[in-house]
Amino acid sequence: MDNDNTIDFKDLWKKQTVSQPDMKDLLARLSKFKKTALRCLWFTNITLLATSAFIAFIWIYYQPQFISTKIGIVLTIFAMVVYMFVYNKLLNDYRNIDSTQTNQEYIQKLILIKKKQQFLQTKMMTFYFLFLTIGICLYMYEYASRMSVLAASLTYGITLFWMLFNWFYLRPRQIKKQQDKINSLIEKFEEVNRQLEL
């Protein structure tokens, strides 16, 4: 066999042009992710604080008579405060994402955020919904006891339906959306790392 016809595939592979990932685009996506996450965090804080203040106002203004109503109010506010406390632990992680980090640091930071989000979306969300549901049901008991059986059943039925709809439909969609965003960013940074190692 003629040696002039041998092809050096390794040399050809190294010479091929590889499209380098657009780091500016990737950093812009990361910046958008950070801004969206921070905006969502602040919106959640404001909403939960306003709701807690409104519930406290109802307690002070209307002076409920049943102990179940007071326990329901306390449980509902407790659920919101605990959820807010844990959720706010992500604030520093979001803030610490900046444009001076290496790709590996971005990946590590995003994986850390992903783990904290998963804890928030599973254990904390379960705690939140459980305490919120119990709190609302206890709170409503005083007012439902003054209604007819049909009206009380409808009130509880609609409330519980809304909670179940949130738990089984809205929550999984929101979780999937958040996971898709962060997984996409992690994959892009890992792809950049692999290309830079070649």
C-alpha atoms as a PDB file:
ATOM      1  CA  MET A   1       0.000   0.000   0.000  1.00  0.00           C
ATOM      2  CA  ASP A   2       1.261   3.474  -0.846  1.00  0.00           C
ATOM      3  CA  ASN A   3       2.211   5.637   2.188  1.00  0.00           C
ATOM      4  CA  ASP A   4       1.303   8.826   0.319  1.00  0.00           C
ATOM      5  CA  ASN A   5      -2.370   7.915   0.534  1.00  0.00           C
ATOM      6  CA  THR A   6      -2.520   7.555   4.345  1.00  0.00           C
ATOM      7  CA  ILE A   7      -4.755  10.094   5.989  1.00  0.00           C
ATOM      8  CA  ASP A   8      -4.012  11.541   9.403  1.00  0.00           C
ATOM      9  CA  PHE A   9      -7.523  11.817  10.848  1.00  0.00           C
ATOM     10  CA  LYS A  10      -6.294  13.309  14.123  1.00  0.00           C
ATOM     11  CA  ASP A  11      -4.560  16.138  12.270  1.00  0.00           C
ATOM     12  CA  LEU A  12      -7.640  16.756  10.119  1.00  0.00           C
ATOM     13  CA  TRP A  13      -9.859  16.820  13.238  1.00  0.00           C
ATOM     14  CA  LYS A  14      -7.666  19.480  14.846  1.00  0.00           C
ATOM     15  CA  LYS A  15      -7.714  21.609  11.673  1.00  0.00           C
ATOM     16  CA  GLN A  16     -11.472  21.638  11.304  1.00  0.00           C
ATOM     17  CA  THR A  17     -13.225  24.860  12.174  1.00  0.00           C
ATOM     18  CA  VAL A  18     -15.349  24.523  15.266  1.00  0.00           C
ATOM     19  CA  SER A  19     -18.002  27.133  15.809  1.00  0.00           C
ATOM     20  CA  GLN A  20     -17.108  28.754  19.106  1.00  0.00           C
ATOM     21  CA  PRO A  21     -20.045  29.437  21.377  1.00  0.00           C
ATOM     22  CA  ASP A  22     -21.057  33.057  21.645  1.00  0.00           C
ATOM     23  CA  MET A  23     -20.014  33.937  25.199  1.00  0.00           C
ATOM     24  CA  LYS A  24     -21.688  37.340  24.999  1.00  0.00           C
ATOM     25  CA  ASP A  25     -25.006  35.669  24.224  1.00  0.00           C
ATOM     26  CA  LEU A  26     -24.501  33.126  27.016  1.00  0.00           C
ATOM     27  CA  LEU A  27     -23.609  35.838  29.542  1.00  0.00           C
ATOM     28  CA  ALA A  28     -26.642  37.854  28.397  1.00  0.00           C
ATOM     29  CA  ARG A  29     -28.850  34.793  29.037  1.00  0.00           C
ATOM     30  CA  LEU A  30     -27.251  34.385  32.453  1.00  0.00           C
ATOM     31  CA  SER A  31     -27.842  38.062  33.241  1.00  0.00           C
ATOM     32  CA  LYS A  32     -31.486  37.747  32.165  1.00  0.00           C
ATOM     33  CA  PHE A  33     -31.872  34.638  34.348  1.00  0.00           C
ATOM     34  CA  LYS A  34     -30.403  36.550  37.321  1.00  0.00           C
ATOM     35  CA  LYS A  35     -32.652  39.589  36.807  1.00  0.00           C
ATOM     36  CA  THR A  36     -35.772  37.456  36.378  1.00  0.00           C
ATOM     37  CA  ALA A  37     -34.953  35.407  39.493  1.00  0.00           C
ATOM     38  CA  LEU A  38     -34.328  38.535  41.586  1.00  0.00           C
ATOM     39  CA  ARG A  39     -37.522  40.172  40.311  1.00  0.00           C
ATOM     40  CA  CYS A  40     -39.503  37.020  41.149  1.00  0.00           C
ATOM     41  CA  LEU A  41     -37.930  36.889  44.612  1.00  0.00           C
ATOM     42  CA  TRP A  42     -38.830  40.518  45.358  1.00  0.00           C
ATOM     43  CA  PHE A  43     -42.353  40.076  43.987  1.00  0.00           C
ATOM     44  CA  THR A  44     -42.864  37.010  46.187  1.00  0.00           C
ATOM     45  CA  ASN A  45     -41.562  38.881  49.247  1.00  0.00           C
ATOM     46  CA  ILE A  46     -43.833  41.864  48.644  1.00  0.00           C
ATOM     47  CA  THR A  47     -46.867  39.659  47.956  1.00  0.00           C
ATOM     48  CA  LEU A  48     -46.357  37.460  51.034  1.00  0.00           C
ATOM     49  CA  LEU A  49     -45.663  40.448  53.308  1.00  0.00           C
ATOM     50  CA  ALA A  50     -48.738  42.285  52.031  1.00  0.00           C
ATOM     51  CA  THR A  51     -50.883  39.161  52.457  1.00  0.00           C
ATOM     52  CA  SER A  52     -49.563  38.601  55.995  1.00  0.00           C
ATOM     53  CA  ALA A  53     -50.242  42.252  56.877  1.00  0.00           C
ATOM     54  CA  PHE A  54     -53.773  41.968  55.462  1.00  0.00           C
ATOM     55  CA  ILE A  55     -54.451  38.800  57.462  1.00  0.00           C
ATOM     56  CA  ALA A  56     -53.134  40.473  60.641  1.00  0.00           C
ATOM     57  CA  PHE A  57     -55.370  43.479  59.890  1.00  0.00           C
ATOM     58  CA  ILE A  58     -58.400  41.160  59.603  1.00  0.00           C
ATOM     59  CA  TRP A  59     -57.534  39.653  62.999  1.00  0.00           C
ATOM     60  CA  ILE A  60     -57.201  43.064  64.652  1.00  0.00           C
ATOM     61  CA  TYR A  61     -60.169  44.734  62.946  1.00  0.00           C
ATOM     62  CA  TYR A  62     -62.750  41.927  63.011  1.00  0.00           C
ATOM     63  CA  GLN A  63     -61.746  40.317  66.335  1.00  0.00           C
ATOM     64  CA  PRO A  64     -62.601  36.650  65.575  1.00  0.00           C
ATOM     65  CA  GLN A  65     -64.229  34.799  68.467  1.00  0.00           C
ATOM     66  CA  PHE A  66     -63.210  31.177  67.825  1.00  0.00           C
ATOM     67  CA  ILE A  67     -59.772  29.937  68.845  1.00  0.00           C
ATOM     68  CA  SER A  68     -59.689  27.947  65.591  1.00  0.00           C
ATOM     69  CA  THR A  69     -59.786  31.210  63.624  1.00  0.00           C
ATOM     70  CA  LYS A  70     -56.852  32.616  65.577  1.00  0.00           C
ATOM     71  CA  ILE A  71     -54.865  29.395  65.197  1.00  0.00           C
ATOM     72  CA  GLY A  72     -55.663  29.430  61.458  1.00  0.00           C
ATOM     73  CA  ILE A  73     -54.368  32.994  61.134  1.00  0.00           C
ATOM     74  CA  VAL A  74     -51.178  32.152  63.033  1.00  0.00           C
ATOM     75  CA  LEU A  75     -50.543  29.009  60.939  1.00  0.00           C
ATOM     76  CA  THR A  76     -51.149  30.883  57.676  1.00  0.00           C
ATOM     77  CA  ILE A  77     -48.784  33.731  58.573  1.00  0.00           C
ATOM     78  CA  PHE A  78     -46.245  31.229  59.960  1.00  0.00           C
ATOM     79  CA  ALA A  79     -46.259  29.307  56.653  1.00  0.00           C
ATOM     80  CA  MET A  80     -45.647  32.513  54.690  1.00  0.00           C
ATOM     81  CA  VAL A  81     -42.859  33.762  56.969  1.00  0.00           C
ATOM     82  CA  VAL A  82     -40.990  30.424  56.971  1.00  0.00           C
ATOM     83  CA  TYR A  83     -41.309  30.089  53.195  1.00  0.00           C
ATOM     84  CA  MET A  84     -40.069  33.669  52.744  1.00  0.00           C
ATOM     85  CA  PHE A  85     -37.134  33.063  55.096  1.00  0.00           C
ATOM     86  CA  VAL A  86     -35.947  29.996  53.165  1.00  0.00           C
ATOM     87  CA  TYR A  87     -36.625  31.560  49.749  1.00  0.00           C
ATOM     88  CA  ASN A  88     -34.574  34.639  50.658  1.00  0.00           C
ATOM     89  CA  LYS A  89     -31.510  32.434  51.174  1.00  0.00           C
ATOM     90  CA  LEU A  90     -31.299  32.364  47.361  1.00  0.00           C
ATOM     91  CA  LEU A  91     -30.837  36.151  47.268  1.00  0.00           C
ATOM     92  CA  ASN A  92     -27.066  36.053  47.864  1.00  0.00           C
ATOM     93  CA  ASP A  93     -26.629  33.227  45.355  1.00  0.00           C
ATOM     94  CA  TYR A  94     -28.366  35.265  42.656  1.00  0.00           C
ATOM     95  CA  ARG A  95     -26.455  38.420  43.564  1.00  0.00           C
ATOM     96  CA  ASN A  96     -23.082  36.627  43.511  1.00  0.00           C
ATOM     97  CA  ILE A  97     -23.423  35.785  39.827  1.00  0.00           C
ATOM     98  CA  ASP A  98     -21.236  38.289  37.989  1.00  0.00           C
ATOM     99  CA  SER A  99     -19.380  38.605  34.709  1.00  0.00           C
ATOM    100  CA  THR A 100     -15.896  38.106  36.217  1.00  0.00           C
ATOM    101  CA  GLN A 101     -16.305  34.431  37.045  1.00  0.00           C
ATOM    102  CA  THR A 102     -14.882  31.503  35.116  1.00  0.00           C
ATOM    103  CA  ASN A 103     -17.112  29.028  33.315  1.00  0.00           C
ATOM    104  CA  GLN A 104     -16.492  26.444  36.034  1.00  0.00           C
ATOM    105  CA  GLU A 105     -17.545  28.961  38.710  1.00  0.00           C
ATOM    106  CA  TYR A 106     -20.733  29.714  36.758  1.00  0.00           C
ATOM    107  CA  ILE A 107     -21.521  26.008  36.574  1.00  0.00           C
ATOM    108  CA  GLN A 108     -20.883  25.504  40.301  1.00  0.00           C
ATOM    109  CA  LYS A 109     -23.006  28.544  41.201  1.00  0.00           C
ATOM    110  CA  LEU A 110     -25.869  27.399  38.944  1.00  0.00           C
ATOM    111  CA  ILE A 111     -25.753  23.858  40.343  1.00  0.00           C
ATOM    112  CA  LEU A 112     -25.898  25.285  43.884  1.00  0.00           C
ATOM    113  CA  ILE A 113     -28.906  27.435  42.928  1.00  0.00           C
ATOM    114  CA  LYS A 114     -30.537  24.414  41.293  1.00  0.00           C
ATOM    115  CA  LYS A 115     -30.151  22.348  44.488  1.00  0.00           C
ATOM    116  CA  LYS A 116     -31.609  25.138  46.623  1.00  0.00           C
ATOM    117  CA  GLN A 117     -34.480  25.581  44.165  1.00  0.00           C
ATOM    118  CA  GLN A 118     -35.223  21.849  44.311  1.00  0.00           C
ATOM    119  CA  PHE A 119     -35.344  21.976  48.128  1.00  0.00           C
ATOM    120  CA  LEU A 120     -37.642  24.990  47.911  1.00  0.00           C
ATOM    121  CA  GLN A 121     -39.860  23.350  45.268  1.00  0.00           C
ATOM    122  CA  THR A 122     -40.230  20.059  47.135  1.00  0.00           C
ATOM    123  CA  LYS A 123     -39.853  20.131  50.923  1.00  0.00           C
ATOM    124  CA  MET A 124     -40.558  23.831  51.509  1.00  0.00           C
ATOM    125  CA  MET A 125     -43.461  23.972  49.073  1.00  0.00           C
ATOM    126  CA  THR A 126     -44.992  20.897  50.722  1.00  0.00           C
ATOM    127  CA  PHE A 127     -44.591  22.513  54.162  1.00  0.00           C
ATOM    128  CA  TYR A 128     -46.026  25.791  52.848  1.00  0.00           C
ATOM    129  CA  PHE A 129     -49.097  24.254  51.207  1.00  0.00           C
ATOM    130  CA  LEU A 130     -49.791  21.957  54.149  1.00  0.00           C
ATOM    131  CA  PHE A 131     -49.692  24.735  56.751  1.00  0.00           C
ATOM    132  CA  LEU A 132     -51.498  27.153  54.449  1.00  0.00           C
ATOM    133  CA  THR A 133     -54.318  24.661  53.804  1.00  0.00           C
ATOM    134  CA  ILE A 134     -54.710  23.798  57.502  1.00  0.00           C
ATOM    135  CA  GLY A 135     -54.552  27.496  58.436  1.00  0.00           C
ATOM    136  CA  ILE A 136     -57.159  28.543  55.881  1.00  0.00           C
ATOM    137  CA  CYS A 137     -59.496  25.679  56.790  1.00  0.00           C
ATOM    138  CA  LEU A 138     -59.261  26.560  60.503  1.00  0.00           C
ATOM    139  CA  TYR A 139     -59.715  30.246  59.742  1.00  0.00           C
ATOM    140  CA  MET A 140     -62.832  29.616  57.646  1.00  0.00           C
ATOM    141  CA  TYR A 141     -64.484  27.385  60.256  1.00  0.00           C
ATOM    142  CA  GLU A 142     -65.885  30.279  62.324  1.00  0.00           C
ATOM    143  CA  TYR A 143     -67.529  31.868  59.291  1.00  0.00           C
ATOM    144  CA  ALA A 144     -68.592  28.570  57.719  1.00  0.00           C
ATOM    145  CA  SER A 145     -70.324  27.551  60.990  1.00  0.00           C
ATOM    146  CA  ARG A 146     -72.735  30.467  60.473  1.00  0.00           C
ATOM    147  CA  MET A 147     -73.605  29.353  56.932  1.00  0.00           C
ATOM    148  CA  SER A 148     -75.992  26.710  55.727  1.00  0.00           C
ATOM    149  CA  VAL A 149     -74.486  23.266  55.116  1.00  0.00           C
ATOM    150  CA  LEU A 150     -74.672  23.817  51.360  1.00  0.00           C
ATOM    151  CA  ALA A 151     -72.960  27.221  51.505  1.00  0.00           C
ATOM    152  CA  ALA A 152     -70.253  25.934  53.884  1.00  0.00           C
ATOM    153  CA  SER A 153     -69.670  22.891  51.672  1.00  0.00           C
ATOM    154  CA  LEU A 154     -69.395  25.101  48.588  1.00  0.00           C
ATOM    155  CA  THR A 155     -67.018  27.483  50.356  1.00  0.00           C
ATOM    156  CA  TYR A 156     -64.728  24.690  51.527  1.00  0.00           C
ATOM    157  CA  GLY A 157     -65.093  22.836  48.222  1.00  0.00           C
ATOM    158  CA  ILE A 158     -64.078  25.836  46.094  1.00  0.00           C
ATOM    159  CA  THR A 159     -61.192  26.708  48.426  1.00  0.00           C
ATOM    160  CA  LEU A 160     -59.846  23.150  48.502  1.00  0.00           C
ATOM    161  CA  PHE A 161     -60.308  22.804  44.734  1.00  0.00           C
ATOM    162  CA  TRP A 162     -58.225  25.959  44.234  1.00  0.00           C
ATOM    163  CA  MET A 163     -55.491  24.593  46.538  1.00  0.00           C
ATOM    164  CA  LEU A 164     -55.462  21.250  44.708  1.00  0.00           C
ATOM    165  CA  PHE A 165     -55.391  23.017  41.318  1.00  0.00           C
ATOM    166  CA  ASN A 166     -52.376  25.002  42.466  1.00  0.00           C
ATOM    167  CA  TRP A 167     -50.639  21.925  43.868  1.00  0.00           C
ATOM    168  CA  PHE A 168     -51.241  19.510  40.991  1.00  0.00           C
ATOM    169  CA  TYR A 169     -51.310  21.858  37.981  1.00  0.00           C
ATOM    170  CA  LEU A 170     -49.699  25.265  38.527  1.00  0.00           C
ATOM    171  CA  ARG A 171     -46.862  24.173  40.837  1.00  0.00           C
ATOM    172  CA  PRO A 172     -45.506  21.398  38.545  1.00  0.00           C
ATOM    173  CA  ARG A 173     -45.606  23.749  35.545  1.00  0.00           C
ATOM    174  CA  GLN A 174     -43.734  26.444  37.448  1.00  0.00           C
ATOM    175  CA  ILE A 175     -41.147  23.917  38.685  1.00  0.00           C
ATOM    176  CA  LYS A 176     -40.606  22.562  35.167  1.00  0.00           C
ATOM    177  CA  LYS A 177     -40.194  26.071  33.787  1.00  0.00           C
ATOM    178  CA  GLN A 178     -37.590  26.971  36.436  1.00  0.00           C
ATOM    179  CA  GLN A 179     -35.721  23.683  35.986  1.00  0.00           C
ATOM    180  CA  ASP A 180     -35.660  24.036  32.194  1.00  0.00           C
ATOM    181  CA  LYS A 181     -34.138  27.532  32.458  1.00  0.00           C
ATOM    182  CA  ILE A 182     -31.377  26.581  34.859  1.00  0.00           C
ATOM    183  CA  ASN A 183     -30.661  23.222  33.163  1.00  0.00           C
ATOM    184  CA  SER A 184     -30.325  24.999  29.825  1.00  0.00           C
ATOM    185  CA  LEU A 185     -27.786  27.442  31.270  1.00  0.00           C
ATOM    186  CA  ILE A 186     -25.787  24.672  32.966  1.00  0.00           C
ATOM    187  CA  GLU A 187     -25.705  22.660  29.706  1.00  0.00           C
ATOM    188  CA  LYS A 188     -24.503  25.684  27.718  1.00  0.00           C
ATOM    189  CA  PHE A 189     -21.674  26.422  30.154  1.00  0.00           C
ATOM    190  CA  GLU A 190     -20.663  22.727  30.198  1.00  0.00           C
ATOM    191  CA  GLU A 191     -20.662  22.749  26.391  1.00  0.00           C
ATOM    192  CA  VAL A 192     -18.381  25.799  26.409  1.00  0.00           C
ATOM    193  CA  ASN A 193     -16.052  24.053  28.867  1.00  0.00           C
ATOM    194  CA  ARG A 194     -15.881  20.952  26.683  1.00  0.00           C
ATOM    195  CA  GLN A 195     -15.068  23.027  23.596  1.00  0.00           C
ATOM    196  CA  LEU A 196     -12.401  24.996  25.418  1.00  0.00           C
ATOM    197  CA  GLU A 197     -10.736  21.756  26.582  1.00  0.00           C
ATOM    198  CA  LEU A 198     -10.318  20.510  22.984  1.00  0.00           C
END
